[in-house]
C-alpha atoms as a PDB file:
ATOM      1  CA  MET A   1      -0.621 -11.342  19.557  1.00  0.00           C
ATOM      2  CA  THR A   2       0.528 -13.156  17.348  1.00  0.00           C
ATOM      3  CA  ASP A   3       3.867 -12.369  14.835  1.00  0.00           C
ATOM      4  CA  ALA A   4       2.799 -10.283  11.807  1.00  0.00           C
ATOM      5  CA  THR A   5       3.014 -12.641   8.308  1.00  0.00           C
ATOM      6  CA  ALA A   6       3.664 -11.864   4.947  1.00  0.00           C
ATOM      7  CA  ILE A   7       1.513  -9.775   2.027  1.00  0.00           C
ATOM      8  CA  PRO A   8       2.596 -11.637  -0.773  1.00  0.00           C
ATOM      9  CA  VAL A   9       3.515  -8.980  -3.517  1.00  0.00           C
ATOM     10  CA  ASN A  10       3.883  -8.563  -7.241  1.00  0.00           C
ATOM     11  CA  LEU A  11       6.595  -5.730  -8.634  1.00  0.00           C
ATOM     12  CA  TYR A  12       6.277  -4.388 -12.441  1.00  0.00           C
ATOM     13  CA  GLN A  13       7.742  -1.552 -14.341  1.00  0.00           C
ATOM     14  CA  ASN A  14       7.611   0.513 -17.183  1.00  0.00           C
ATOM     15  CA  GLU A  15       9.329   4.035 -18.701  1.00  0.00           C
ATOM     16  CA  ARG A  16       7.218   5.968 -16.438  1.00  0.00           C
ATOM     17  CA  GLU A  17       5.933   4.181 -13.795  1.00  0.00           C
ATOM     18  CA  LEU A  18       7.107   1.542 -11.050  1.00  0.00           C
ATOM     19  CA  ILE A  19       3.570  -1.016  -9.940  1.00  0.00           C
ATOM     20  CA  ALA A  20       3.213  -2.534  -6.949  1.00  0.00           C
ATOM     21  CA  VAL A  21       0.128  -5.310  -6.865  1.00  0.00           C
ATOM     22  CA  ALA A  22      -0.788  -6.611  -3.321  1.00  0.00           C
ATOM     23  CA  PRO A  23      -3.839  -9.084  -2.320  1.00  0.00           C
ATOM     24  CA  MET A  24      -4.899  -8.701   1.363  1.00  0.00           C
ATOM     25  CA  PRO A  25      -8.459 -10.428   0.932  1.00  0.00           C
ATOM     26  CA  GLY A  26     -11.490  -9.122   3.009  1.00  0.00           C
ATOM     27  CA  VAL A  27      -8.948  -6.456   4.678  1.00  0.00           C
ATOM     28  CA  ALA A  28     -10.780  -2.546   4.846  1.00  0.00           C
ATOM     29  CA  PRO A  29      -9.152   0.245   3.489  1.00  0.00           C
ATOM     30  CA  GLN A  30      -8.724   2.349   6.749  1.00  0.00           C
ATOM     31  CA  ASP A  31      -7.142  -0.715   7.593  1.00  0.00           C
ATOM     32  CA  ILE A  32      -4.470  -0.701   4.533  1.00  0.00           C
ATOM     33  CA  GLY A  33      -0.766   1.547   5.164  1.00  0.00           C
ATOM     34  CA  ILE A  34       1.840   2.064   2.891  1.00  0.00           C
ATOM     35  CA  GLU A  35       5.030   3.876   3.658  1.00  0.00           C
ATOM     36  CA  VAL A  36       7.953   4.876   1.696  1.00  0.00           C
ATOM     37  CA  SER A  37      10.812   5.888   2.882  1.00  0.00           C
ATOM     38  CA  GLU A  38      13.651   7.937   1.769  1.00  0.00           C
ATOM     39  CA  GLN A  39      15.932   4.618   1.221  1.00  0.00           C
ATOM     40  CA  GLY A  40      13.587   3.861  -1.185  1.00  0.00           C
ATOM     41  CA  GLU A  41      11.860   0.558   1.279  1.00  0.00           C
ATOM     42  CA  MET A  42       8.113   0.307   0.397  1.00  0.00           C
ATOM     43  CA  THR A  43       6.116  -0.848   3.675  1.00  0.00           C
ATOM     44  CA  LEU A  44       3.123  -2.261   3.864  1.00  0.00           C
ATOM     45  CA  THR A  45       0.818  -3.421   6.551  1.00  0.00           C
ATOM     46  CA  CYS A  46      -3.070  -4.574   6.849  1.00  0.00           C
ATOM     47  CA  ALA A  47      -5.129  -6.427   9.150  1.00  0.00           C
ATOM     48  CA  GLU A  48      -8.294  -8.049   9.338  1.00  0.00           C
ATOM     49  CA  HIS A  49     -10.379  -8.007  12.320  1.00  0.00           C
ATOM     50  CA  GLY A  50     -11.908 -11.464  12.097  1.00  0.00           C
ATOM     51  CA  VAL A  51     -15.130 -11.337  14.505  1.00  0.00           C
ATOM     52  CA  GLY A  52     -14.385 -13.505  17.706  1.00  0.00           C
ATOM     53  CA  GLN A  53     -11.316 -14.780  16.222  1.00  0.00           C
ATOM     54  CA  GLU A  54      -9.608 -14.280  19.604  1.00  0.00           C
ATOM     55  CA  ARG A  55     -12.500 -16.527  21.170  1.00  0.00           C
ATOM     56  CA  ILE A  56     -12.316 -19.872  18.403  1.00  0.00           C
ATOM     57  CA  GLU A  57     -10.264 -22.437  19.107  1.00  0.00           C
ATOM     58  CA  TYR A  58      -8.570 -22.975  15.995  1.00  0.00           C
ATOM     59  CA  LEU A  59      -8.172 -27.438  14.854  1.00  0.00           C
ATOM     60  CA  LEU A  60      -6.620 -26.402  11.289  1.00  0.00           C
ATOM     61  CA  ARG A  61      -5.363 -22.569  11.115  1.00  0.00           C
ATOM     62  CA  GLU A  62      -3.932 -21.573   7.878  1.00  0.00           C
ATOM     63  CA  TRP A  63      -5.620 -17.997   6.540  1.00  0.00           C
ATOM     64  CA  SER A  64      -4.407 -15.680   9.275  1.00  0.00           C
ATOM     65  CA  TYR A  65      -6.193 -12.596  10.640  1.00  0.00           C
ATOM     66  CA  GLY A  66      -3.866 -10.072  10.491  1.00  0.00           C
ATOM     67  CA  PRO A  67      -1.577  -8.554  11.872  1.00  0.00           C
ATOM     68  CA  ASN A  68       0.178  -8.409   8.017  1.00  0.00           C
ATOM     69  CA  LEU A  69       3.351  -6.684   7.059  1.00  0.00           C
ATOM     70  CA  ARG A  70       5.944  -6.601   4.453  1.00  0.00           C
ATOM     71  CA  ARG A  71       9.110  -4.809   3.607  1.00  0.00           C
ATOM     72  CA  VAL A  72      10.268  -4.763   0.133  1.00  0.00           C
ATOM     73  CA  GLN A  73      13.110  -2.378  -1.241  1.00  0.00           C
ATOM     74  CA  LEU A  74      12.517  -0.814  -4.472  1.00  0.00           C
ATOM     75  CA  PRO A  75      14.424  -1.006  -7.166  1.00  0.00           C
ATOM     76  CA  CYS A  76      14.433   2.251  -8.534  1.00  0.00           C
ATOM     77  CA  ALA A  77      13.846   5.938  -7.186  1.00  0.00           C
ATOM     78  CA  VAL A  78       9.458   6.938  -6.846  1.00  0.00           C
ATOM     79  CA  ASP A  79       7.726   9.822  -5.559  1.00  0.00           C
ATOM     80  CA  ALA A  80       5.821   8.265  -3.337  1.00  0.00           C
ATOM     81  CA  GLY A  81       3.472  11.269  -2.701  1.00  0.00           C
ATOM     82  CA  LYS A  82       2.295  11.211  -6.449  1.00  0.00           C
ATOM     83  CA  ALA A  83       1.283   7.740  -5.931  1.00  0.00           C
ATOM     84  CA  ASN A  84      -2.100   6.133  -7.375  1.00  0.00           C
ATOM     85  CA  VAL A  85      -3.430   3.430  -5.644  1.00  0.00           C
ATOM     86  CA  SER A  86      -6.636   1.574  -5.883  1.00  0.00           C
ATOM     87  CA  TYR A  87      -8.211  -1.525  -3.487  1.00  0.00           C
ATOM     88  CA  GLY A  88     -11.010  -3.537  -5.090  1.00  0.00           C
ATOM     89  CA  ASN A  89     -12.033  -7.213  -5.134  1.00  0.00           C
ATOM     90  CA  GLY A  90      -9.106  -7.672  -2.536  1.00  0.00           C
ATOM     91  CA  VAL A  91      -6.715  -6.564  -4.063  1.00  0.00           C
ATOM     92  CA  LEU A  92      -4.330  -3.249  -3.372  1.00  0.00           C
ATOM     93  CA  SER A  93      -2.604  -1.913  -6.380  1.00  0.00           C
ATOM     94  CA  ILE A  94      -0.314   1.061  -6.434  1.00  0.00           C
ATOM     95  CA  SER A  95       1.392   3.232  -9.031  1.00  0.00           C
ATOM     96  CA  PHE A  96       4.270   4.599  -8.403  1.00  0.00           C
ATOM     97  CA  PRO A  97       5.823   7.833 -10.955  1.00  0.00           C
ATOM     98  CA  LYS A  98       9.526   6.545 -11.038  1.00  0.00           C
ATOM     99  CA  ALA A  99      11.697   9.986 -10.086  1.00  0.00           C
ATOM    100  CA  ASP A 100      15.265  10.998  -9.816  1.00  0.00           C
ATOM    101  CA  ALA A 101      15.276  10.593  -6.053  1.00  0.00           C
ATOM    102  CA  THR A 102      12.697   8.412  -3.994  1.00  0.00           C
ATOM    103  CA  GLU A 103      10.216  11.280  -2.231  1.00  0.00           C
ATOM    104  CA  PRO A 104       9.128   9.617   0.845  1.00  0.00           C
ATOM    105  CA  ALA A 105       5.545   8.992   1.753  1.00  0.00           C
ATOM    106  CA  SER A 106       3.038   7.896   3.637  1.00  0.00           C
ATOM    107  CA  ILE A 107      -0.475   6.880   2.258  1.00  0.00           C
ATOM    108  CA  ASP A 108      -3.624   6.664   3.490  1.00  0.00           C
ATOM    109  CA  LEU A 109      -6.340   4.778   2.275  1.00  0.00           C
ATOM    110  CA  GLY A 110      -9.375   6.131   4.247  1.00  0.00           C
ATOM    111  CA  ARG A 111     -12.777   4.541   4.046  1.00  0.00           C
ATOM    112  CA  THR A 112     -13.296   5.293   0.314  1.00  0.00           C
ATOM    113  CA  GLY A 113     -10.369   2.560  -1.396  1.00  0.00           C
ATOM    114  CA  HIS A 114      -8.867   5.148  -3.650  1.00  0.00           C
ATOM    115  CA  ALA A 115      -6.161   7.266  -3.118  1.00  0.00           C
ATOM    116  CA  ARG A 116      -4.125  10.006  -4.963  1.00  0.00           C
ATOM    117  CA  GLY A 117      -1.286  12.296  -3.747  1.00  0.00           C
ATOM    118  CA  LEU A 118      -2.704  12.263  -0.036  1.00  0.00           C
ATOM    119  CA  ALA A 119       0.721  11.882   0.976  1.00  0.00           C
ATOM    120  CA  LEU A 120       2.242  14.197   3.264  1.00  0.00           C
ATOM    121  CA  GLY A 121      -0.582  16.362   2.913  1.00  0.00           C
ATOM    122  CA  HIS A 122      -0.048  16.603  -1.614  1.00  0.00           C
ATOM    123  CA  VAL A 123      -2.505  16.849  -2.990  1.00  0.00           C
ATOM    124  CA  GLY A 124      -1.499  16.225  -6.144  1.00  0.00           C
ATOM    125  CA  THR A 125      -1.941  16.907  -9.728  1.00  0.00           C
ATOM    126  CA  ARG A 126      -1.706  14.783 -12.898  1.00  0.00           C
ATOM    127  CA  GLY A 127       0.463  15.665 -15.929  1.00  0.00           C
ATOM    128  CA  GLY A 128       3.592  17.552 -14.331  1.00  0.00           C
ATOM    129  CA  ALA A 129       3.511  21.025 -12.401  1.00  0.00           C
ATOM    130  CA  SER A 130       1.545  22.898 -14.201  1.00  0.00           C
ATOM    131  CA  ALA A 131      -1.759  20.938 -14.079  1.00  0.00           C
ATOM    132  CA  HIS A 132      -4.028  22.177 -11.845  1.00  0.00           C
ATOM    133  CA  PRO A 133      -5.024  19.911  -8.369  1.00  0.00           C
ATOM    134  CA  ARG A 134      -8.444  18.505  -8.214  1.00  0.00           C
END
């Protein structure tokens, strides 16, 4: 097994959200992991499963099949349990609502490539506490 390689990440924000975007070409949604710790560190993991990659004797190998890992200290507190996540065309996008204190979570994309409020059993809401869960 090879050492984990870093996943490139872009972070930007507006008044309400912190957005993270990371390319993960060829990775299945169920092979992506997203976690935010109480200390506000986001960890992204993924692994692409190349068919027969173990049996190939590479002459040049610039594209790794993984595992891939990236840890990023988030610049502000977020509610990870209410994150909106999408994965399409090999690009992972995560929109974290800003919060007074970081709410940690582990988010599972599953097979759909989309998740919202699926962390730690939270079904999620839009529009605040008075909104009805979907």
